[in-house]
Amino acid sequence: MKISTAKVVALGDNETGKTAMLRWFLSGTPACFVDHYTPTLGADFCILEVKVDDGEFHLYFWDLNGCTPFKLLRRYYIHGMNAYFIMFDVTRPETFEHVRDWHDEARKVNPKATGLLIGTHIDKVQERKVSEEAIANVARELGYKAITVSAKTGEHCLDALREIVKILAPQDNGEHVALGRKDLYKVGLGSNIPSNLGNGSFNKIASAKVAILGDNETGKSALLRWIDGKDFMPDYKPTFCLDSIIKDVGVGITCASLFIWDYNGLHSIRNIRAT
């Protein structure tokens, strides 16, 4: 079975439903919806395994805080993404007006990544202020597909996930995205992973964040490439602030997901390293 991996980033103003959307992706049901709003502190992370026609996708989702003070930090998470989605609230026109800003922020750092526009809170029919026509016009202008959803009711959430899969694998029509409880698990950095969730091959899933530290030109990136199974590069190129890989290692009946971070060694970015 073919297994592909991809880094997907959730962008958009705060309170547009990014975290709620990822909660739905991870559970496949609106039962996980939480009415009270809790802002994401910097960034959150989760893994979603999605079965498609010819194999399996391991999607590594980053849920980023939408506040302006986090803009500098966000660029380091946007760097290296394969796809992204920009979310806005159809009941708050200002969040829709900011879509172009999010588009510019994403493309400036990573011009090759492809995105999707997702309008949220369509369950609030009486409060809706952004029309489907306006959404279609902006999507056409910026070169995106667009979809409107409700994480509260689950309406069109699976369709949104299918669209993300189609971005990553254009040859797959997205019609056979399977969501099974044993095929989904969330990993929050620093969190405990429920031992009863797994992919059927392991009895336990563990996770750990591993940081590679040291001065520049000491071989940190070369070590990361070796761990990732890539060839050695003799020409030195400094790490752009930070780089990361996710390595799944089977140890007995345990599957350990190692989140390995390679940090630039310059003194000037020590505040970034502290995250």
C-alpha atoms as a PDB file:
ATOM      1  CA  MET A   1       0.000   0.000   0.000  1.00  0.00           C
ATOM      2  CA  LYS A   2       1.288   3.433  -0.942  1.00  0.00           C
ATOM      3  CA  ILE A   3       1.619   5.880   1.973  1.00  0.00           C
ATOM      4  CA  SER A   4       2.072   9.591   1.228  1.00  0.00           C
ATOM      5  CA  THR A   5       2.660  12.411   3.699  1.00  0.00           C
ATOM      6  CA  ALA A   6       1.808  16.088   3.461  1.00  0.00           C
ATOM      7  CA  LYS A   7       1.995  19.195   5.623  1.00  0.00           C
ATOM      8  CA  VAL A   8      -1.286  21.168   5.599  1.00  0.00           C
ATOM      9  CA  VAL A   9      -1.682  24.543   7.332  1.00  0.00           C
ATOM     10  CA  ALA A  10      -4.936  26.133   8.567  1.00  0.00           C
ATOM     11  CA  LEU A  11      -4.938  29.916   8.079  1.00  0.00           C
ATOM     12  CA  GLY A  12      -7.465  32.637   8.805  1.00  0.00           C
ATOM     13  CA  ASP A  13      -8.588  35.158  11.395  1.00  0.00           C
ATOM     14  CA  ASN A  14      -9.228  34.031  14.939  1.00  0.00           C
ATOM     15  CA  GLU A  15     -12.715  32.664  15.685  1.00  0.00           C
ATOM     16  CA  THR A  16     -13.280  31.471  12.110  1.00  0.00           C
ATOM     17  CA  GLY A  17     -13.474  27.816  13.129  1.00  0.00           C
ATOM     18  CA  LYS A  18     -10.026  26.460  12.249  1.00  0.00           C
ATOM     19  CA  THR A  19      -9.734  24.397  15.418  1.00  0.00           C
ATOM     20  CA  ALA A  20     -13.360  23.231  15.179  1.00  0.00           C
ATOM     21  CA  MET A  21     -12.733  22.114  11.612  1.00  0.00           C
ATOM     22  CA  LEU A  22      -9.715  20.049  12.608  1.00  0.00           C
ATOM     23  CA  ARG A  23     -11.700  18.552  15.480  1.00  0.00           C
ATOM     24  CA  TRP A  24     -14.281  17.391  12.939  1.00  0.00           C
ATOM     25  CA  PHE A  25     -11.589  15.971  10.650  1.00  0.00           C
ATOM     26  CA  LEU A  26     -10.184  13.983  13.558  1.00  0.00           C
ATOM     27  CA  SER A  27     -13.488  12.612  14.798  1.00  0.00           C
ATOM     28  CA  GLY A  28     -15.622  12.459  11.664  1.00  0.00           C
ATOM     29  CA  THR A  29     -18.611  13.644  13.670  1.00  0.00           C
ATOM     30  CA  PRO A  30     -19.993  16.992  14.906  1.00  0.00           C
ATOM     31  CA  ALA A  31     -20.251  15.478  18.402  1.00  0.00           C
ATOM     32  CA  CYS A  32     -16.790  16.896  19.141  1.00  0.00           C
ATOM     33  CA  PHE A  33     -17.963  20.487  18.532  1.00  0.00           C
ATOM     34  CA  VAL A  34     -17.370  22.846  21.477  1.00  0.00           C
ATOM     35  CA  ASP A  35     -19.523  25.993  21.724  1.00  0.00           C
ATOM     36  CA  HIS A  36     -17.148  28.088  23.823  1.00  0.00           C
ATOM     37  CA  TYR A  37     -14.206  29.662  22.027  1.00  0.00           C
ATOM     38  CA  THR A  38     -10.642  29.063  23.188  1.00  0.00           C
ATOM     39  CA  PRO A  39      -7.956  30.698  21.020  1.00  0.00           C
ATOM     40  CA  THR A  40      -5.056  28.578  19.808  1.00  0.00           C
ATOM     41  CA  LEU A  41      -1.889  29.481  21.663  1.00  0.00           C
ATOM     42  CA  GLY A  42       0.595  30.039  18.848  1.00  0.00           C
ATOM     43  CA  ALA A  43       0.120  26.751  17.003  1.00  0.00           C
ATOM     44  CA  ASP A  44      -1.439  23.342  17.472  1.00  0.00           C
ATOM     45  CA  PHE A  45      -0.655  20.163  15.619  1.00  0.00           C
ATOM     46  CA  CYS A  46      -2.452  16.966  14.708  1.00  0.00           C
ATOM     47  CA  ILE A  47      -2.078  13.960  12.439  1.00  0.00           C
ATOM     48  CA  LEU A  48      -4.854  12.589  10.262  1.00  0.00           C
ATOM     49  CA  GLU A  49      -4.596   9.319   8.364  1.00  0.00           C
ATOM     50  CA  VAL A  50      -6.920   9.244   5.363  1.00  0.00           C
ATOM     51  CA  LYS A  51      -7.499   6.194   3.176  1.00  0.00           C
ATOM     52  CA  VAL A  52      -7.852   6.831  -0.567  1.00  0.00           C
ATOM     53  CA  ASP A  53      -8.210   4.600  -3.623  1.00  0.00           C
ATOM     54  CA  ASP A  54      -4.563   3.706  -4.126  1.00  0.00           C
ATOM     55  CA  GLY A  55      -3.225   3.951  -0.592  1.00  0.00           C
ATOM     56  CA  GLU A  56      -3.128   6.214   2.414  1.00  0.00           C
ATOM     57  CA  PHE A  57      -2.368   9.860   3.174  1.00  0.00           C
ATOM     58  CA  HIS A  58      -0.806  10.959   6.446  1.00  0.00           C
ATOM     59  CA  LEU A  59      -1.827  14.602   6.748  1.00  0.00           C
ATOM     60  CA  TYR A  60       0.104  16.703   9.254  1.00  0.00           C
ATOM     61  CA  PHE A  61      -2.155  19.640  10.090  1.00  0.00           C
ATOM     62  CA  TRP A  62      -0.920  22.873  11.666  1.00  0.00           C
ATOM     63  CA  ASP A  63      -3.592  25.093  13.236  1.00  0.00           C
ATOM     64  CA  LEU A  64      -2.119  28.605  13.538  1.00  0.00           C
ATOM     65  CA  ASN A  65      -3.235  31.538  15.669  1.00  0.00           C
ATOM     66  CA  GLY A  66      -4.579  34.314  13.440  1.00  0.00           C
ATOM     67  CA  CYS A  67      -3.458  37.333  15.479  1.00  0.00           C
ATOM     68  CA  THR A  68      -1.114  39.864  13.869  1.00  0.00           C
ATOM     69  CA  PRO A  69       1.580  39.535  16.591  1.00  0.00           C
ATOM     70  CA  PHE A  70       2.012  35.876  15.545  1.00  0.00           C
ATOM     71  CA  LYS A  71       2.691  36.775  11.884  1.00  0.00           C
ATOM     72  CA  LEU A  72       6.460  36.413  12.198  1.00  0.00           C
ATOM     73  CA  LEU A  73       6.106  33.055  13.924  1.00  0.00           C
ATOM     74  CA  ARG A  74       3.532  31.821  11.390  1.00  0.00           C
ATOM     75  CA  ARG A  75       5.962  32.136   8.485  1.00  0.00           C
ATOM     76  CA  TYR A  76       8.141  29.406   9.981  1.00  0.00           C
ATOM     77  CA  TYR A  77       5.184  27.028  10.047  1.00  0.00           C
ATOM     78  CA  ILE A  78       4.052  28.037   6.531  1.00  0.00           C
ATOM     79  CA  HIS A  79       7.535  27.279   5.230  1.00  0.00           C
ATOM     80  CA  GLY A  80       7.554  23.788   3.683  1.00  0.00           C
ATOM     81  CA  MET A  81       3.775  23.257   3.601  1.00  0.00           C
ATOM     82  CA  ASN A  82       2.279  21.237   0.765  1.00  0.00           C
ATOM     83  CA  ALA A  83      -1.221  22.709   0.974  1.00  0.00           C
ATOM     84  CA  TYR A  84      -3.265  25.107   3.083  1.00  0.00           C
ATOM     85  CA  PHE A  85      -6.794  26.303   3.610  1.00  0.00           C
ATOM     86  CA  ILE A  86      -7.920  29.843   4.421  1.00  0.00           C
ATOM     87  CA  MET A  87     -10.976  30.033   6.644  1.00  0.00           C
ATOM     88  CA  PHE A  88     -13.454  32.871   7.100  1.00  0.00           C
ATOM     89  CA  ASP A  89     -16.758  33.287   8.923  1.00  0.00           C
ATOM     90  CA  VAL A  90     -19.750  33.919   6.618  1.00  0.00           C
ATOM     91  CA  THR A  91     -21.414  35.879   9.446  1.00  0.00           C
ATOM     92  CA  ARG A  92     -18.438  38.265   9.838  1.00  0.00           C
ATOM     93  CA  PRO A  93     -17.617  40.047   6.543  1.00  0.00           C
ATOM     94  CA  GLU A  94     -14.338  41.434   7.880  1.00  0.00           C
ATOM     95  CA  THR A  95     -12.904  37.917   8.071  1.00  0.00           C
ATOM     96  CA  PHE A  96     -13.825  37.419   4.406  1.00  0.00           C
ATOM     97  CA  GLU A  97     -12.202  40.740   3.490  1.00  0.00           C
ATOM     98  CA  HIS A  98      -8.959  39.483   5.057  1.00  0.00           C
ATOM     99  CA  VAL A  99      -8.799  36.452   2.732  1.00  0.00           C
ATOM    100  CA  ARG A 100      -6.538  38.356   0.316  1.00  0.00           C
ATOM    101  CA  ASP A 101      -4.155  39.182   3.176  1.00  0.00           C
ATOM    102  CA  TRP A 102      -3.936  35.494   4.112  1.00  0.00           C
ATOM    103  CA  HIS A 103      -3.435  34.589   0.468  1.00  0.00           C
ATOM    104  CA  ASP A 104      -0.533  37.055   0.239  1.00  0.00           C
ATOM    105  CA  GLU A 105       1.000  35.800   3.494  1.00  0.00           C
ATOM    106  CA  ALA A 106       0.902  32.183   2.329  1.00  0.00           C
ATOM    107  CA  ARG A 107       2.177  32.794  -1.202  1.00  0.00           C
ATOM    108  CA  LYS A 108       4.954  35.131  -0.103  1.00  0.00           C
ATOM    109  CA  VAL A 109       6.544  32.401   1.996  1.00  0.00           C
ATOM    110  CA  ASN A 110       5.546  29.391  -0.096  1.00  0.00           C
ATOM    111  CA  PRO A 111       4.455  30.270  -3.669  1.00  0.00           C
ATOM    112  CA  LYS A 112       4.264  26.623  -4.797  1.00  0.00           C
ATOM    113  CA  ALA A 113       1.668  25.469  -2.256  1.00  0.00           C
ATOM    114  CA  THR A 114      -1.988  25.262  -3.290  1.00  0.00           C
ATOM    115  CA  GLY A 115      -4.908  26.344  -1.148  1.00  0.00           C
ATOM    116  CA  LEU A 116      -8.623  26.052  -0.543  1.00  0.00           C
ATOM    117  CA  LEU A 117     -11.100  28.671   0.711  1.00  0.00           C
ATOM    118  CA  ILE A 118     -13.440  27.480   3.452  1.00  0.00           C
ATOM    119  CA  GLY A 119     -16.345  29.582   4.700  1.00  0.00           C
ATOM    120  CA  THR A 120     -17.671  28.524   8.089  1.00  0.00           C
ATOM    121  CA  HIS A 121     -20.751  28.871  10.315  1.00  0.00           C
ATOM    122  CA  ILE A 122     -23.298  28.287   7.527  1.00  0.00           C
ATOM    123  CA  ASP A 123     -25.593  26.869  10.208  1.00  0.00           C
ATOM    124  CA  LYS A 124     -26.228  30.488  11.301  1.00  0.00           C
ATOM    125  CA  VAL A 125     -28.576  31.110   8.382  1.00  0.00           C
ATOM    126  CA  GLN A 126     -30.218  34.239   9.759  1.00  0.00           C
ATOM    127  CA  GLU A 127     -26.861  35.848  10.573  1.00  0.00           C
ATOM    128  CA  ARG A 128     -25.161  35.146   7.254  1.00  0.00           C
ATOM    129  CA  LYS A 129     -23.693  38.227   5.511  1.00  0.00           C
ATOM    130  CA  VAL A 130     -21.301  36.771   2.900  1.00  0.00           C
ATOM    131  CA  SER A 131     -23.006  35.393  -0.209  1.00  0.00           C
ATOM    132  CA  GLU A 132     -21.997  32.376  -2.270  1.00  0.00           C
ATOM    133  CA  GLU A 133     -21.603  34.703  -5.260  1.00  0.00           C
ATOM    134  CA  ALA A 134     -19.093  36.907  -3.420  1.00  0.00           C
ATOM    135  CA  ILE A 135     -17.158  33.833  -2.305  1.00  0.00           C
ATOM    136  CA  ALA A 136     -17.067  32.448  -5.858  1.00  0.00           C
ATOM    137  CA  ASN A 137     -15.794  35.771  -7.237  1.00  0.00           C
ATOM    138  CA  VAL A 138     -12.895  35.991  -4.771  1.00  0.00           C
ATOM    139  CA  ALA A 139     -12.037  32.309  -5.242  1.00  0.00           C
ATOM    140  CA  ARG A 140     -11.918  32.825  -9.013  1.00  0.00           C
ATOM    141  CA  GLU A 141      -9.778  35.945  -8.631  1.00  0.00           C
ATOM    142  CA  LEU A 142      -7.221  34.239  -6.376  1.00  0.00           C
ATOM    143  CA  GLY A 143      -7.270  30.874  -8.150  1.00  0.00           C
ATOM    144  CA  TYR A 144      -8.881  28.731  -5.424  1.00  0.00           C
ATOM    145  CA  LYS A 145     -11.720  26.319  -5.091  1.00  0.00           C
ATOM    146  CA  ALA A 146     -14.150  27.319  -2.355  1.00  0.00           C
ATOM    147  CA  ILE A 147     -16.545  25.477  -0.079  1.00  0.00           C
ATOM    148  CA  THR A 148     -18.771  26.507   2.820  1.00  0.00           C
ATOM    149  CA  VAL A 149     -19.171  24.303   5.885  1.00  0.00           C
ATOM    150  CA  SER A 150     -20.484  23.973   9.410  1.00  0.00           C
ATOM    151  CA  ALA A 151     -18.332  22.137  11.934  1.00  0.00           C
ATOM    152  CA  LYS A 152     -21.289  22.303  14.328  1.00  0.00           C
ATOM    153  CA  THR A 153     -23.602  20.262  12.091  1.00  0.00           C
ATOM    154  CA  GLY A 154     -20.903  18.581   9.986  1.00  0.00           C
ATOM    155  CA  GLU A 155     -22.400  19.936   6.757  1.00  0.00           C
ATOM    156  CA  HIS A 156     -19.895  19.719   3.875  1.00  0.00           C
ATOM    157  CA  CYS A 157     -16.945  18.980   6.228  1.00  0.00           C
ATOM    158  CA  LEU A 158     -16.144  15.692   4.511  1.00  0.00           C
ATOM    159  CA  ASP A 159     -16.366  17.474   1.158  1.00  0.00           C
ATOM    160  CA  ALA A 160     -13.756  19.960   2.393  1.00  0.00           C
ATOM    161  CA  LEU A 161     -11.445  17.118   3.379  1.00  0.00           C
ATOM    162  CA  ARG A 162     -11.934  15.543  -0.049  1.00  0.00           C
ATOM    163  CA  GLU A 163     -10.963  18.819  -1.698  1.00  0.00           C
ATOM    164  CA  ILE A 164      -7.763  18.938   0.358  1.00  0.00           C
ATOM    165  CA  VAL A 165      -6.938  15.377  -0.729  1.00  0.00           C
ATOM    166  CA  LYS A 166      -7.579  16.331  -4.372  1.00  0.00           C
ATOM    167  CA  ILE A 167      -5.155  19.253  -4.025  1.00  0.00           C
ATOM    168  CA  LEU A 168      -2.467  16.866  -2.797  1.00  0.00           C
ATOM    169  CA  ALA A 169      -3.291  14.045  -5.225  1.00  0.00           C
ATOM    170  CA  PRO A 170      -4.978  15.476  -8.339  1.00  0.00           C
ATOM    171  CA  GLN A 171      -5.306  11.999  -9.864  1.00  0.00           C
ATOM    172  CA  ASP A 172      -7.585  10.954  -6.985  1.00  0.00           C
ATOM    173  CA  ASN A 173     -11.170  12.168  -7.337  1.00  0.00           C
ATOM    174  CA  GLY A 174     -11.575  12.341  -3.563  1.00  0.00           C
ATOM    175  CA  GLU A 175     -14.756  10.268  -3.642  1.00  0.00           C
ATOM    176  CA  HIS A 176     -13.320   7.404  -1.601  1.00  0.00           C
ATOM    177  CA  VAL A 177     -11.985   9.176   1.479  1.00  0.00           C
ATOM    178  CA  ALA A 178     -12.562   6.762   4.348  1.00  0.00           C
ATOM    179  CA  LEU A 179     -12.816   7.976   7.928  1.00  0.00           C
ATOM    180  CA  GLY A 180     -12.505   5.172  10.436  1.00  0.00           C
ATOM    181  CA  ARG A 181     -11.930   5.681  14.154  1.00  0.00           C
ATOM    182  CA  LYS A 182      -8.973   3.341  14.273  1.00  0.00           C
ATOM    183  CA  ASP A 183      -7.403   5.175  11.327  1.00  0.00           C
ATOM    184  CA  LEU A 184      -7.448   8.587  13.011  1.00  0.00           C
ATOM    185  CA  TYR A 185      -5.391   9.871  15.878  1.00  0.00           C
ATOM    186  CA  LYS A 186      -4.390  13.241  17.218  1.00  0.00           C
ATOM    187  CA  VAL A 187      -0.956  14.142  18.418  1.00  0.00           C
ATOM    188  CA  GLY A 188      -0.611  17.340  20.418  1.00  0.00           C
ATOM    189  CA  LEU A 189       2.977  18.214  21.173  1.00  0.00           C
ATOM    190  CA  GLY A 190       3.545  17.518  24.821  1.00  0.00           C
ATOM    191  CA  SER A 191       0.256  15.633  25.134  1.00  0.00           C
ATOM    192  CA  ASN A 192      -0.421  12.027  26.057  1.00  0.00           C
ATOM    193  CA  ILE A 193      -1.754   9.799  23.286  1.00  0.00           C
ATOM    194  CA  PRO A 194      -4.656   7.474  24.131  1.00  0.00           C
ATOM    195  CA  SER A 195      -3.245   3.946  24.054  1.00  0.00           C
ATOM    196  CA  ASN A 196      -6.432   2.513  22.538  1.00  0.00           C
ATOM    197  CA  LEU A 197      -6.086   4.442  19.254  1.00  0.00           C
ATOM    198  CA  GLY A 198      -3.945   3.153  16.439  1.00  0.00           C
ATOM    199  CA  ASN A 199      -3.842   1.883  12.899  1.00  0.00           C
ATOM    200  CA  GLY A 200      -4.512  -1.756  13.664  1.00  0.00           C
ATOM    201  CA  SER A 201      -0.859  -2.840  13.512  1.00  0.00           C
ATOM    202  CA  PHE A 202       0.221  -1.469  16.890  1.00  0.00           C
ATOM    203  CA  ASN A 203      -1.272  -1.644  20.356  1.00  0.00           C
ATOM    204  CA  LYS A 204       0.097   1.720  21.386  1.00  0.00           C
ATOM    205  CA  ILE A 205       1.001   5.008  19.751  1.00  0.00           C
ATOM    206  CA  ALA A 206       3.598   7.236  21.355  1.00  0.00           C
ATOM    207  CA  SER A 207       4.970  10.601  20.293  1.00  0.00           C
ATOM    208  CA  ALA A 208       7.920  12.772  21.148  1.00  0.00           C
ATOM    209  CA  LYS A 209       9.340  16.113  20.058  1.00  0.00           C
ATOM    210  CA  VAL A 210      13.099  15.987  19.471  1.00  0.00           C
ATOM    211  CA  ALA A 211      15.167  19.154  18.967  1.00  0.00           C
ATOM    212  CA  ILE A 212      18.573  19.194  17.258  1.00  0.00           C
ATOM    213  CA  LEU A 213      20.612  22.043  18.713  1.00  0.00           C
ATOM    214  CA  GLY A 214      24.076  23.412  18.126  1.00  0.00           C
ATOM    215  CA  ASP A 215      26.069  26.057  16.260  1.00  0.00           C
ATOM    216  CA  ASN A 216      25.625  26.476  12.527  1.00  0.00           C
ATOM    217  CA  GLU A 217      27.721  24.238  10.257  1.00  0.00           C
ATOM    218  CA  THR A 218      27.919  21.447  12.839  1.00  0.00           C
ATOM    219  CA  GLY A 219      25.950  18.978  10.693  1.00  0.00           C
ATOM    220  CA  LYS A 220      22.458  19.261  12.179  1.00  0.00           C
ATOM    221  CA  SER A 221      20.753  19.369   8.778  1.00  0.00           C
ATOM    222  CA  ALA A 222      22.928  16.519   7.483  1.00  0.00           C
ATOM    223  CA  LEU A 223      21.803  14.384  10.423  1.00  0.00           C
ATOM    224  CA  LEU A 224      18.166  15.268   9.718  1.00  0.00           C
ATOM    225  CA  ARG A 225      18.574  14.300   6.061  1.00  0.00           C
ATOM    226  CA  TRP A 226      20.140  10.972   7.066  1.00  0.00           C
ATOM    227  CA  ILE A 227      17.244  10.222   9.436  1.00  0.00           C
ATOM    228  CA  ASP A 228      14.838  11.096   6.620  1.00  0.00           C
ATOM    229  CA  GLY A 229      16.625   8.736   4.242  1.00  0.00           C
ATOM    230  CA  LYS A 230      17.954  11.476   1.949  1.00  0.00           C
ATOM    231  CA  ASP A 231      21.380  11.785   0.345  1.00  0.00           C
ATOM    232  CA  PHE A 232      24.203  13.770   1.883  1.00  0.00           C
ATOM    233  CA  MET A 233      24.679  17.265   0.424  1.00  0.00           C
ATOM    234  CA  PRO A 234      28.303  18.497   0.502  1.00  0.00           C
ATOM    235  CA  ASP A 235      27.364  22.149  -0.063  1.00  0.00           C
ATOM    236  CA  TYR A 236      26.397  23.926   3.162  1.00  0.00           C
ATOM    237  CA  LYS A 237      23.100  25.797   3.218  1.00  0.00           C
ATOM    238  CA  PRO A 238      22.005  27.276   6.560  1.00  0.00           C
ATOM    239  CA  THR A 239      18.595  26.219   7.863  1.00  0.00           C
ATOM    240  CA  PHE A 240      15.939  28.881   7.309  1.00  0.00           C
ATOM    241  CA  CYS A 241      15.193  29.375  11.013  1.00  0.00           C
ATOM    242  CA  LEU A 242      13.802  25.859  11.482  1.00  0.00           C
ATOM    243  CA  ASP A 243      13.060  22.676   9.585  1.00  0.00           C
ATOM    244  CA  SER A 244      11.288  19.533  10.680  1.00  0.00           C
ATOM    245  CA  ILE A 245      10.411  15.988   9.745  1.00  0.00           C
ATOM    246  CA  ILE A 246       8.114  13.368  11.224  1.00  0.00           C
ATOM    247  CA  LYS A 247       9.544   9.881  11.494  1.00  0.00           C
ATOM    248  CA  ASP A 248       7.368   6.897  12.411  1.00  0.00           C
ATOM    249  CA  VAL A 249       9.379   4.161  14.125  1.00  0.00           C
ATOM    250  CA  GLY A 250       8.028   0.746  15.068  1.00  0.00           C
ATOM    251  CA  VAL A 251       9.405  -0.628  18.332  1.00  0.00           C
ATOM    252  CA  GLY A 252       7.790  -3.933  19.257  1.00  0.00           C
ATOM    253  CA  ILE A 253       4.078  -3.244  19.586  1.00  0.00           C
ATOM    254  CA  THR A 254       4.608   0.502  19.852  1.00  0.00           C
ATOM    255  CA  CYS A 255       4.547   2.994  16.995  1.00  0.00           C
ATOM    256  CA  ALA A 256       6.597   6.051  17.957  1.00  0.00           C
ATOM    257  CA  SER A 257       6.058   9.235  15.957  1.00  0.00           C
ATOM    258  CA  LEU A 258       9.165  11.391  16.341  1.00  0.00           C
ATOM    259  CA  PHE A 259       8.778  15.085  15.564  1.00  0.00           C
ATOM    260  CA  ILE A 260      12.378  16.089  14.865  1.00  0.00           C
ATOM    261  CA  TRP A 261      13.241  19.787  14.672  1.00  0.00           C
ATOM    262  CA  ASP A 262      16.428  21.254  13.190  1.00  0.00           C
ATOM    263  CA  TYR A 263      17.012  24.797  14.414  1.00  0.00           C
ATOM    264  CA  ASN A 264      19.234  27.512  13.000  1.00  0.00           C
ATOM    265  CA  GLY A 265      22.042  28.102  15.490  1.00  0.00           C
ATOM    266  CA  LEU A 266      22.191  31.896  15.304  1.00  0.00           C
ATOM    267  CA  HIS A 267      21.886  33.712  18.626  1.00  0.00           C
ATOM    268  CA  SER A 268      19.434  36.197  17.063  1.00  0.00           C
ATOM    269  CA  ILE A 269      16.648  33.592  16.716  1.00  0.00           C
ATOM    270  CA  ARG A 270      16.835  32.063  20.173  1.00  0.00           C
ATOM    271  CA  ASN A 271      13.301  33.359  20.886  1.00  0.00           C
ATOM    272  CA  ILE A 272      12.019  31.248  17.982  1.00  0.00           C
ATOM    273  CA  ARG A 273      13.914  28.223  19.287  1.00  0.00           C
ATOM    274  CA  ALA A 274      12.135  28.632  22.617  1.00  0.00           C
ATOM    275  CA  THR A 275       8.804  27.767  20.942  1.00  0.00           C
END
